[in-house]
Amino acid sequence: MKLLITGSTGVVGREILSIFKKKRINIFPLSYNSGSSKYSKVDLTKTLNKKTKADFIIHCAGKTPQNSRNLKDVFNKNIKMNK
């Protein structure tokens, strides 16, 4: 089984990654590059899945409020990234 995990360096993604590593499952971790302020629109079911041939995708990526004081902005960015 092959597994793609988005947000693999975040709190939830790290835990999930750890669990599946212990079970020796073939994992393709995907993480947002914190050095860039722009998001890319990617259809995981088409683009990355063709490259990784993942059987399952676990989506844990999200914007957190740690660098933003505007919670409405954080909420809107999370909605936008998941369209």
PDB file of N, CA and C in Angstrom:
ATOM      1  N   MET A   1       0.851  -1.178   0.000  1.00  0.00           N
ATOM      2  CA  MET A   1       0.000   0.000   0.000  1.00  0.00           C
ATOM      3  C   MET A   1       0.894   1.238   0.000  1.00  0.00           C
ATOM      4  N   LYS A   2       0.510   2.240  -0.800  1.00  0.00           N
ATOM      5  CA  LYS A   2       1.222   3.520  -0.844  1.00  0.00           C
ATOM      6  C   LYS A   2       0.290   4.612  -0.335  1.00  0.00           C
ATOM      7  N   LEU A   3       0.854   5.499   0.488  1.00  0.00           N
ATOM      8  CA  LEU A   3       0.071   6.515   1.162  1.00  0.00           C
ATOM      9  C   LEU A   3       0.701   7.888   0.965  1.00  0.00           C
ATOM     10  N   LEU A   4      -0.096   8.869   0.543  1.00  0.00           N
ATOM     11  CA  LEU A   4       0.343  10.254   0.407  1.00  0.00           C
ATOM     12  C   LEU A   4      -0.237  11.046   1.573  1.00  0.00           C
ATOM     13  N   ILE A   5       0.616  11.746   2.323  1.00  0.00           N
ATOM     14  CA  ILE A   5       0.158  12.537   3.467  1.00  0.00           C
ATOM     15  C   ILE A   5       0.509  13.998   3.226  1.00  0.00           C
ATOM     16  N   THR A   6      -0.516  14.863   3.116  1.00  0.00           N
ATOM     17  CA  THR A   6      -0.271  16.298   2.988  1.00  0.00           C
ATOM     18  C   THR A   6      -0.112  16.875   4.393  1.00  0.00           C
ATOM     19  N   GLY A   7       0.651  17.950   4.502  1.00  0.00           N
ATOM     20  CA  GLY A   7       0.852  18.574   5.817  1.00  0.00           C
ATOM     21  C   GLY A   7       1.642  17.683   6.751  1.00  0.00           C
ATOM     22  N   SER A   8       2.582  16.944   6.200  1.00  0.00           N
ATOM     23  CA  SER A   8       3.297  15.926   6.987  1.00  0.00           C
ATOM     24  C   SER A   8       4.248  16.494   8.038  1.00  0.00           C
ATOM     25  N   THR A   9       4.501  17.812   8.026  1.00  0.00           N
ATOM     26  CA  THR A   9       5.358  18.402   9.063  1.00  0.00           C
ATOM     27  C   THR A   9       4.535  19.133  10.120  1.00  0.00           C
ATOM     28  N   GLY A  10       3.227  19.149   9.957  1.00  0.00           N
ATOM     29  CA  GLY A  10       2.350  19.780  10.943  1.00  0.00           C
ATOM     30  C   GLY A  10       2.085  18.855  12.118  1.00  0.00           C
ATOM     31  N   VAL A  11       1.361  19.340  13.092  1.00  0.00           N
ATOM     32  CA  VAL A  11       1.088  18.575  14.318  1.00  0.00           C
ATOM     33  C   VAL A  11       0.376  17.261  14.010  1.00  0.00           C
ATOM     34  N   VAL A  12      -0.713  17.326  13.272  1.00  0.00           N
ATOM     35  CA  VAL A  12      -1.488  16.124  12.959  1.00  0.00           C
ATOM     36  C   VAL A  12      -0.736  15.248  11.959  1.00  0.00           C
ATOM     37  N   GLY A  13      -0.200  15.856  10.908  1.00  0.00           N
ATOM     38  CA  GLY A  13       0.520  15.102   9.886  1.00  0.00           C
ATOM     39  C   GLY A  13       1.711  14.334  10.433  1.00  0.00           C
ATOM     40  N   ARG A  14       2.467  14.947  11.350  1.00  0.00           N
ATOM     41  CA  ARG A  14       3.624  14.266  11.963  1.00  0.00           C
ATOM     42  C   ARG A  14       3.196  13.016  12.714  1.00  0.00           C
ATOM     43  N   GLU A  15       2.100  13.107  13.449  1.00  0.00           N
ATOM     44  CA  GLU A  15       1.610  11.955  14.214  1.00  0.00           C
ATOM     45  C   GLU A  15       1.168  10.824  13.288  1.00  0.00           C
ATOM     46  N   ILE A  16       0.432  11.182  12.255  1.00  0.00           N
ATOM     47  CA  ILE A  16      -0.026  10.171  11.301  1.00  0.00           C
ATOM     48  C   ILE A  16       1.159   9.540  10.587  1.00  0.00           C
ATOM     49  N   LEU A  17       2.120  10.365  10.182  1.00  0.00           N
ATOM     50  CA  LEU A  17       3.332   9.872   9.532  1.00  0.00           C
ATOM     51  C   LEU A  17       4.055   8.875  10.435  1.00  0.00           C
ATOM     52  N   SER A  18       4.171   9.204  11.696  1.00  0.00           N
ATOM     53  CA  SER A  18       4.843   8.339  12.668  1.00  0.00           C
ATOM     54  C   SER A  18       4.147   6.981  12.796  1.00  0.00           C
ATOM     55  N   ILE A  19       2.832   7.006  12.849  1.00  0.00           N
ATOM     56  CA  ILE A  19       2.062   5.759  12.988  1.00  0.00           C
ATOM     57  C   ILE A  19       2.285   4.844  11.785  1.00  0.00           C
ATOM     58  N   PHE A  20       2.187   5.404  10.589  1.00  0.00           N
ATOM     59  CA  PHE A  20       2.328   4.580   9.394  1.00  0.00           C
ATOM     60  C   PHE A  20       3.764   4.145   9.142  1.00  0.00           C
ATOM     61  N   LYS A  21       4.742   4.934   9.577  1.00  0.00           N
ATOM     62  CA  LYS A  21       6.145   4.518   9.451  1.00  0.00           C
ATOM     63  C   LYS A  21       6.393   3.265  10.281  1.00  0.00           C
ATOM     64  N   LYS A  22       5.811   3.226  11.472  1.00  0.00           N
ATOM     65  CA  LYS A  22       5.978   2.062  12.355  1.00  0.00           C
ATOM     66  C   LYS A  22       5.381   0.805  11.729  1.00  0.00           C
ATOM     67  N   LYS A  23       4.364   0.978  10.914  1.00  0.00           N
ATOM     68  CA  LYS A  23       3.710  -0.160  10.258  1.00  0.00           C
ATOM     69  C   LYS A  23       4.384  -0.519   8.933  1.00  0.00           C
ATOM     70  N   ARG A  24       5.479   0.184   8.630  1.00  0.00           N
ATOM     71  CA  ARG A  24       6.281  -0.056   7.431  1.00  0.00           C
ATOM     72  C   ARG A  24       5.465   0.063   6.139  1.00  0.00           C
ATOM     73  N   ILE A  25       4.631   1.091   6.100  1.00  0.00           N
ATOM     74  CA  ILE A  25       3.838   1.377   4.911  1.00  0.00           C
ATOM     75  C   ILE A  25       4.609   2.360   4.047  1.00  0.00           C
ATOM     76  N   ASN A  26       4.556   2.182   2.749  1.00  0.00           N
ATOM     77  CA  ASN A  26       5.242   3.057   1.801  1.00  0.00           C
ATOM     78  C   ASN A  26       4.560   4.428   1.819  1.00  0.00           C
ATOM     79  N   ILE A  27       5.280   5.462   2.290  1.00  0.00           N
ATOM     80  CA  ILE A  27       4.695   6.784   2.502  1.00  0.00           C
ATOM     81  C   ILE A  27       5.364   7.824   1.618  1.00  0.00           C
ATOM     82  N   PHE A  28       4.545   8.707   1.054  1.00  0.00           N
ATOM     83  CA  PHE A  28       5.040   9.867   0.321  1.00  0.00           C
ATOM     84  C   PHE A  28       4.578  11.096   1.094  1.00  0.00           C
ATOM     85  N   PRO A  29       5.448  11.684   1.957  1.00  0.00           N
ATOM     86  CA  PRO A  29       5.043  12.869   2.723  1.00  0.00           C
ATOM     87  C   PRO A  29       5.117  14.131   1.870  1.00  0.00           C
ATOM     88  N   LEU A  30       4.132  14.995   2.026  1.00  0.00           N
ATOM     89  CA  LEU A  30       4.076  16.247   1.285  1.00  0.00           C
ATOM     90  C   LEU A  30       3.899  17.378   2.284  1.00  0.00           C
ATOM     91  N   SER A  31       4.712  18.428   2.160  1.00  0.00           N
ATOM     92  CA  SER A  31       4.648  19.533   3.104  1.00  0.00           C
ATOM     93  C   SER A  31       4.780  20.860   2.387  1.00  0.00           C
ATOM     94  N   TYR A  32       4.144  21.867   2.931  1.00  0.00           N
ATOM     95  CA  TYR A  32       4.224  23.229   2.412  1.00  0.00           C
ATOM     96  C   TYR A  32       5.612  23.789   2.701  1.00  0.00           C
ATOM     97  N   ASN A  33       6.202  24.444   1.735  1.00  0.00           N
ATOM     98  CA  ASN A  33       7.506  25.070   1.907  1.00  0.00           C
ATOM     99  C   ASN A  33       7.318  26.406   2.613  1.00  0.00           C
ATOM    100  N   SER A  34       7.727  26.493   3.862  1.00  0.00           N
ATOM    101  CA  SER A  34       7.515  27.710   4.652  1.00  0.00           C
ATOM    102  C   SER A  34       8.306  28.902   4.139  1.00  0.00           C
ATOM    103  N   GLY A  35       9.248  28.687   3.236  1.00  0.00           N
ATOM    104  CA  GLY A  35      10.024  29.783   2.674  1.00  0.00           C
ATOM    105  C   GLY A  35       9.267  30.568   1.606  1.00  0.00           C
ATOM    106  N   SER A  36       8.133  30.060   1.190  1.00  0.00           N
ATOM    107  CA  SER A  36       7.351  30.712   0.151  1.00  0.00           C
ATOM    108  C   SER A  36       6.017  31.165   0.733  1.00  0.00           C
ATOM    109  N   SER A  37       5.544  32.312   0.293  1.00  0.00           N
ATOM    110  CA  SER A  37       4.271  32.818   0.807  1.00  0.00           C
ATOM    111  C   SER A  37       3.116  32.528  -0.145  1.00  0.00           C
ATOM    112  N   LYS A  38       3.392  31.845  -1.247  1.00  0.00           N
ATOM    113  CA  LYS A  38       2.360  31.565  -2.230  1.00  0.00           C
ATOM    114  C   LYS A  38       1.972  30.092  -2.194  1.00  0.00           C
ATOM    115  N   TYR A  39       0.691  29.840  -2.410  1.00  0.00           N
ATOM    116  CA  TYR A  39       0.187  28.480  -2.487  1.00  0.00           C
ATOM    117  C   TYR A  39       0.045  28.094  -3.947  1.00  0.00           C
ATOM    118  N   SER A  40       0.200  26.846  -4.237  1.00  0.00           N
ATOM    119  CA  SER A  40      -0.019  26.341  -5.586  1.00  0.00           C
ATOM    120  C   SER A  40      -1.286  25.516  -5.591  1.00  0.00           C
ATOM    121  N   LYS A  41      -2.070  25.670  -6.630  1.00  0.00           N
ATOM    122  CA  LYS A  41      -3.277  24.871  -6.763  1.00  0.00           C
ATOM    123  C   LYS A  41      -2.894  23.557  -7.424  1.00  0.00           C
ATOM    124  N   VAL A  42      -3.131  22.462  -6.731  1.00  0.00           N
ATOM    125  CA  VAL A  42      -2.767  21.144  -7.227  1.00  0.00           C
ATOM    126  C   VAL A  42      -3.940  20.198  -6.991  1.00  0.00           C
ATOM    127  N   ASP A  43      -4.304  19.447  -8.004  1.00  0.00           N
ATOM    128  CA  ASP A  43      -5.322  18.416  -7.850  1.00  0.00           C
ATOM    129  C   ASP A  43      -4.586  17.138  -7.464  1.00  0.00           C
ATOM    130  N   LEU A  44      -4.628  16.788  -6.193  1.00  0.00           N
ATOM    131  CA  LEU A  44      -3.873  15.640  -5.698  1.00  0.00           C
ATOM    132  C   LEU A  44      -4.293  14.335  -6.351  1.00  0.00           C
ATOM    133  N   THR A  45      -5.560  14.229  -6.699  1.00  0.00           N
ATOM    134  CA  THR A  45      -6.039  12.971  -7.283  1.00  0.00           C
ATOM    135  C   THR A  45      -5.511  12.758  -8.690  1.00  0.00           C
ATOM    136  N   LYS A  46      -5.050  13.827  -9.348  1.00  0.00           N
ATOM    137  CA  LYS A  46      -4.542  13.696 -10.717  1.00  0.00           C
ATOM    138  C   LYS A  46      -3.035  13.872 -10.786  1.00  0.00           C
ATOM    139  N   THR A  47      -2.536  15.030 -10.396  1.00  0.00           N
ATOM    140  CA  THR A  47      -1.131  15.376 -10.581  1.00  0.00           C
ATOM    141  C   THR A  47      -0.190  14.513  -9.742  1.00  0.00           C
ATOM    142  N   LEU A  48      -0.286  14.624  -8.434  1.00  0.00           N
ATOM    143  CA  LEU A  48       0.652  13.903  -7.568  1.00  0.00           C
ATOM    144  C   LEU A  48       0.377  12.418  -7.539  1.00  0.00           C
ATOM    145  N   ASN A  49      -0.869  12.034  -7.635  1.00  0.00           N
ATOM    146  CA  ASN A  49      -1.180  10.619  -7.559  1.00  0.00           C
ATOM    147  C   ASN A  49      -0.610   9.856  -8.758  1.00  0.00           C
ATOM    148  N   LYS A  50      -0.480  10.522  -9.908  1.00  0.00           N
ATOM    149  CA  LYS A  50       0.137   9.876 -11.065  1.00  0.00           C
ATOM    150  C   LYS A  50       1.618   9.618 -10.809  1.00  0.00           C
ATOM    151  N   LYS A  51       2.263  10.539 -10.085  1.00  0.00           N
ATOM    152  CA  LYS A  51       3.691  10.398  -9.799  1.00  0.00           C
ATOM    153  C   LYS A  51       3.943   9.395  -8.677  1.00  0.00           C
ATOM    154  N   THR A  52       3.133   9.457  -7.626  1.00  0.00           N
ATOM    155  CA  THR A  52       3.360   8.606  -6.458  1.00  0.00           C
ATOM    156  C   THR A  52       2.651   7.271  -6.565  1.00  0.00           C
ATOM    157  N   LYS A  53       1.585   7.216  -7.356  1.00  0.00           N
ATOM    158  CA  LYS A  53       0.726   6.042  -7.471  1.00  0.00           C
ATOM    159  C   LYS A  53       0.200   5.622  -6.096  1.00  0.00           C
ATOM    160  N   ALA A  54      -0.151   6.636  -5.306  1.00  0.00           N
ATOM    161  CA  ALA A  54      -0.664   6.387  -3.957  1.00  0.00           C
ATOM    162  C   ALA A  54      -2.041   5.727  -4.009  1.00  0.00           C
ATOM    163  N   ASP A  55      -2.253   4.802  -3.089  1.00  0.00           N
ATOM    164  CA  ASP A  55      -3.557   4.154  -2.958  1.00  0.00           C
ATOM    165  C   ASP A  55      -4.523   5.038  -2.177  1.00  0.00           C
ATOM    166  N   PHE A  56      -3.962   5.807  -1.234  1.00  0.00           N
ATOM    167  CA  PHE A  56      -4.767   6.668  -0.368  1.00  0.00           C
ATOM    168  C   PHE A  56      -4.071   8.008  -0.169  1.00  0.00           C
ATOM    169  N   ILE A  57      -4.869   9.057   0.027  1.00  0.00           N
ATOM    170  CA  ILE A  57      -4.356  10.383   0.359  1.00  0.00           C
ATOM    171  C   ILE A  57      -4.977  10.792   1.687  1.00  0.00           C
ATOM    172  N   ILE A  58      -4.130  11.158   2.649  1.00  0.00           N
ATOM    173  CA  ILE A  58      -4.607  11.696   3.922  1.00  0.00           C
ATOM    174  C   ILE A  58      -4.252  13.175   3.926  1.00  0.00           C
ATOM    175  N   HIS A  59      -5.266  14.019   3.942  1.00  0.00           N
ATOM    176  CA  HIS A  59      -5.067  15.462   3.833  1.00  0.00           C
ATOM    177  C   HIS A  59      -5.055  16.106   5.222  1.00  0.00           C
ATOM    178  N   CYS A  60      -3.864  16.536   5.653  1.00  0.00           N
ATOM    179  CA  CYS A  60      -3.691  17.168   6.967  1.00  0.00           C
ATOM    180  C   CYS A  60      -3.190  18.597   6.845  1.00  0.00           C
ATOM    181  N   ALA A  61      -3.035  19.091   5.625  1.00  0.00           N
ATOM    182  CA  ALA A  61      -2.478  20.427   5.426  1.00  0.00           C
ATOM    183  C   ALA A  61      -3.487  21.496   5.819  1.00  0.00           C
ATOM    184  N   GLY A  62      -2.978  22.582   6.323  1.00  0.00           N
ATOM    185  CA  GLY A  62      -3.835  23.706   6.680  1.00  0.00           C
ATOM    186  C   GLY A  62      -3.004  24.889   7.151  1.00  0.00           C
ATOM    187  N   LYS A  63      -3.581  26.057   7.077  1.00  0.00           N
ATOM    188  CA  LYS A  63      -2.944  27.290   7.553  1.00  0.00           C
ATOM    189  C   LYS A  63      -3.256  27.434   9.033  1.00  0.00           C
ATOM    190  N   THR A  64      -2.255  27.745   9.830  1.00  0.00           N
ATOM    191  CA  THR A  64      -2.466  27.949  11.262  1.00  0.00           C
ATOM    192  C   THR A  64      -2.301  29.428  11.598  1.00  0.00           C
ATOM    193  N   PRO A  65      -2.903  29.863  12.699  1.00  0.00           N
ATOM    194  CA  PRO A  65      -2.842  31.289  13.038  1.00  0.00           C
ATOM    195  C   PRO A  65      -1.541  31.739  13.690  1.00  0.00           C
ATOM    196  N   GLN A  66      -0.510  30.906  13.759  1.00  0.00           N
ATOM    197  CA  GLN A  66       0.690  31.288  14.483  1.00  0.00           C
ATOM    198  C   GLN A  66       1.398  32.497  13.876  1.00  0.00           C
ATOM    199  N   ASN A  67       1.259  32.733  12.573  1.00  0.00           N
ATOM    200  CA  ASN A  67       1.901  33.890  11.955  1.00  0.00           C
ATOM    201  C   ASN A  67       0.903  34.963  11.550  1.00  0.00           C
ATOM    202  N   SER A  68      -0.318  34.844  11.985  1.00  0.00           N
ATOM    203  CA  SER A  68      -1.352  35.800  11.599  1.00  0.00           C
ATOM    204  C   SER A  68      -2.230  36.119  12.799  1.00  0.00           C
ATOM    205  N   ARG A  69      -2.538  37.374  12.966  1.00  0.00           N
ATOM    206  CA  ARG A  69      -3.420  37.778  14.063  1.00  0.00           C
ATOM    207  C   ARG A  69      -4.870  37.873  13.602  1.00  0.00           C
ATOM    208  N   ASN A  70      -5.078  37.741  12.310  1.00  0.00           N
ATOM    209  CA  ASN A  70      -6.396  37.865  11.737  1.00  0.00           C
ATOM    210  C   ASN A  70      -6.984  36.465  11.498  1.00  0.00           C
ATOM    211  N   LEU A  71      -7.825  35.991  12.415  1.00  0.00           N
ATOM    212  CA  LEU A  71      -8.377  34.641  12.307  1.00  0.00           C
ATOM    213  C   LEU A  71      -9.290  34.486  11.096  1.00  0.00           C
ATOM    214  N   LYS A  72      -9.942  35.568  10.688  1.00  0.00           N
ATOM    215  CA  LYS A  72     -10.786  35.499   9.493  1.00  0.00           C
ATOM    216  C   LYS A  72      -9.916  35.210   8.269  1.00  0.00           C
ATOM    217  N   ASP A  73      -8.738  35.827   8.211  1.00  0.00           N
ATOM    218  CA  ASP A  73      -7.805  35.596   7.109  1.00  0.00           C
ATOM    219  C   ASP A  73      -7.346  34.138   7.099  1.00  0.00           C
ATOM    220  N   VAL A  74      -7.033  33.586   8.257  1.00  0.00           N
ATOM    221  CA  VAL A  74      -6.606  32.187   8.371  1.00  0.00           C
ATOM    222  C   VAL A  74      -7.722  31.269   7.886  1.00  0.00           C
ATOM    223  N   PHE A  75      -8.934  31.526   8.332  1.00  0.00           N
ATOM    224  CA  PHE A  75     -10.093  30.726   7.926  1.00  0.00           C
ATOM    225  C   PHE A  75     -10.263  30.769   6.405  1.00  0.00           C
ATOM    226  N   ASN A  76     -10.233  31.963   5.835  1.00  0.00           N
ATOM    227  CA  ASN A  76     -10.423  32.114   4.389  1.00  0.00           C
ATOM    228  C   ASN A  76      -9.324  31.418   3.588  1.00  0.00           C
ATOM    229  N   LYS A  77      -8.076  31.458   4.054  1.00  0.00           N
ATOM    230  CA  LYS A  77      -6.985  30.783   3.353  1.00  0.00           C
ATOM    231  C   LYS A  77      -7.161  29.265   3.391  1.00  0.00           C
ATOM    232  N   ASN A  78      -7.657  28.742   4.511  1.00  0.00           N
ATOM    233  CA  ASN A  78      -7.908  27.304   4.598  1.00  0.00           C
ATOM    234  C   ASN A  78      -9.023  26.889   3.659  1.00  0.00           C
ATOM    235  N   ILE A  79     -10.051  27.690   3.569  1.00  0.00           N
ATOM    236  CA  ILE A  79     -11.150  27.374   2.651  1.00  0.00           C
ATOM    237  C   ILE A  79     -10.641  27.408   1.214  1.00  0.00           C
ATOM    238  N   LYS A  80      -9.871  28.451   0.887  1.00  0.00           N
ATOM    239  CA  LYS A  80      -9.361  28.615  -0.474  1.00  0.00           C
ATOM    240  C   LYS A  80      -8.436  27.471  -0.878  1.00  0.00           C
ATOM    241  N   MET A  81      -7.578  27.033   0.044  1.00  0.00           N
ATOM    242  CA  MET A  81      -6.615  25.986  -0.309  1.00  0.00           C
ATOM    243  C   MET A  81      -7.272  24.627  -0.508  1.00  0.00           C
ATOM    244  N   ASN A  82      -8.480  24.452  -0.013  1.00  0.00           N
ATOM    245  CA  ASN A  82      -9.143  23.162  -0.122  1.00  0.00           C
ATOM    246  C   ASN A  82     -10.229  23.105  -1.179  1.00  0.00           C
ATOM    247  N   LYS A  83     -10.308  24.121  -2.020  1.00  0.00           N
ATOM    248  CA  LYS A  83     -11.310  24.106  -3.099  1.00  0.00           C
ATOM    249  C   LYS A  83     -10.841  23.231  -4.230  1.00  0.00           C
TER     250      LYS A  83
END
